[in-house]
């Protein structure tokens, strides 16, 4: 399992964050990469209709983060709760920048 942190990237470092995330994506097995791309492009599209569905990138990130960002299997409840905001933030950023992340 690869440990990922994006805490040191700010909004001013978006290009660096995209490059680092693409590097991480390149390490995924092909089936996982295909699912990642399809899922985040779909979530990006869903977020475009927030006025109709009340599911913007933040709401979608909150719902999907626990399912797409894996924590260590032996993580305690305290560790999981502490990591949740970072997992959600990463997921939101992936949704918001899906078109840049998923371009070839």
Protein backbone atom coordinates (compact mmCIF):
# COMPACT_ATOMS: atom_id res chain seq x y z
CA UNK A 1 0.00 0.00 0.00
CA UNK A 2 1.27 3.46 -0.89
CA UNK A 3 1.07 6.21 1.70
CA UNK A 4 -0.30 9.43 0.26
CA UNK A 5 -0.37 12.91 1.70
CA UNK A 6 -1.42 16.09 0.00
CA UNK A 7 -1.39 18.24 3.12
CA UNK A 8 1.70 20.18 2.01
CA UNK A 9 0.07 21.36 -1.23
CA UNK A 10 -1.85 24.63 -1.17
CA UNK A 11 -4.31 25.97 -3.73
CA UNK A 12 -1.40 27.94 -5.21
CA UNK A 13 0.36 24.63 -5.91
CA UNK A 14 -2.43 23.13 -8.04
CA UNK A 15 -0.15 22.25 -10.95
CA UNK A 16 2.26 20.50 -8.57
CA UNK A 17 -0.63 18.68 -6.88
CA UNK A 18 -1.94 17.51 -10.25
CA UNK A 19 1.52 16.27 -11.26
CA UNK A 20 1.99 14.45 -7.93
CA UNK A 21 -1.46 12.88 -8.14
CA UNK A 22 -0.83 11.79 -11.74
CA UNK A 23 2.41 10.16 -10.55
CA UNK A 24 0.43 8.32 -7.90
CA UNK A 25 -2.20 7.29 -10.46
CA UNK A 26 0.53 5.89 -12.71
CA UNK A 27 1.40 3.42 -9.95
CA UNK A 28 -2.12 2.01 -9.83
CA UNK A 29 -2.82 -1.34 -11.47
CA UNK A 30 -4.54 -0.80 -14.83
CA UNK A 31 -8.02 -1.92 -13.69
CA UNK A 32 -7.85 0.45 -10.70
CA UNK A 33 -6.69 3.32 -12.91
CA UNK A 34 -9.58 2.74 -15.32
CA UNK A 35 -12.06 2.79 -12.43
CA UNK A 36 -10.41 5.89 -10.91
CA UNK A 37 -10.68 7.80 -14.19
CA UNK A 38 -14.25 6.78 -14.94
CA UNK A 39 -15.44 7.40 -11.39
CA UNK A 40 -13.89 10.84 -11.00
CA UNK A 41 -14.94 12.01 -14.46
CA UNK A 42 -18.48 10.87 -13.63
CA UNK A 43 -18.43 12.59 -10.21
CA UNK A 44 -17.09 15.74 -11.87
CA UNK A 45 -20.04 15.67 -14.25
CA UNK A 46 -22.52 15.08 -11.40
CA UNK A 47 -21.05 18.05 -9.51
CA UNK A 48 -21.77 20.29 -12.51
CA UNK A 49 -25.48 19.87 -11.72
CA UNK A 50 -25.27 20.85 -8.05
CA UNK A 51 -28.19 23.28 -8.36
CA UNK A 52 -30.43 20.39 -9.40
CA UNK A 53 -29.09 17.54 -7.28
CA UNK A 54 -27.55 19.29 -4.22
CA UNK A 55 -24.43 17.18 -4.76
CA UNK A 56 -21.48 19.45 -5.37
CA UNK A 57 -17.88 18.31 -5.14
CA UNK A 58 -17.78 18.74 -1.34
CA UNK A 59 -20.88 16.61 -0.77
CA UNK A 60 -19.71 13.99 -3.26
CA UNK A 61 -16.25 13.97 -1.66
CA UNK A 62 -17.76 13.43 1.78
CA UNK A 63 -19.82 10.49 0.52
CA UNK A 64 -17.19 8.83 -1.66
CA UNK A 65 -13.94 9.44 0.27
CA UNK A 66 -14.43 6.57 2.73
CA UNK A 67 -14.93 4.23 -0.21
CA UNK A 68 -12.10 5.33 -2.50
CA UNK A 69 -9.33 6.32 -0.08
CA UNK A 70 -8.00 3.32 1.81
CA UNK A 71 -6.51 3.65 5.25
CA UNK A 72 -4.31 1.09 6.96
CA UNK A 73 -6.29 -2.02 7.85
CA UNK A 74 -5.17 -1.78 11.48
CA UNK A 75 -6.02 1.93 11.86
CA UNK A 76 -7.76 2.75 15.10
CA UNK A 77 -11.02 4.67 15.21
CA UNK A 78 -9.08 7.72 16.42
CA UNK A 79 -6.71 7.48 13.46
CA UNK A 80 -9.59 7.06 11.02
CA UNK A 81 -11.40 10.09 12.43
CA UNK A 82 -8.21 12.14 12.31
CA UNK A 83 -7.54 11.17 8.68
CA UNK A 84 -11.09 11.73 7.41
CA UNK A 85 -10.77 15.47 6.64
CA UNK A 86 -7.62 14.86 4.57
CA UNK A 87 -9.27 11.96 2.73
CA UNK A 88 -12.32 14.08 1.94
CA UNK A 89 -10.15 17.02 0.84
CA UNK A 90 -8.16 14.75 -1.50
CA UNK A 91 -11.35 13.27 -2.96
CA UNK A 92 -12.90 16.72 -3.46
CA UNK A 93 -9.78 17.94 -5.21
CA UNK A 94 -9.82 14.88 -7.48
CA UNK A 95 -13.47 15.55 -8.36
CA UNK A 96 -12.85 19.24 -9.04
CA UNK A 97 -9.77 18.53 -11.18
CA UNK A 98 -10.85 15.29 -12.81
CA UNK A 99 -10.54 16.58 -16.36
CA UNK A 100 -6.90 17.56 -15.79
CA UNK A 101 -6.10 14.36 -13.87
CA UNK A 102 -7.65 12.07 -16.46
CA UNK A 103 -6.27 13.58 -19.63
CA UNK A 104 -3.68 11.48 -21.41
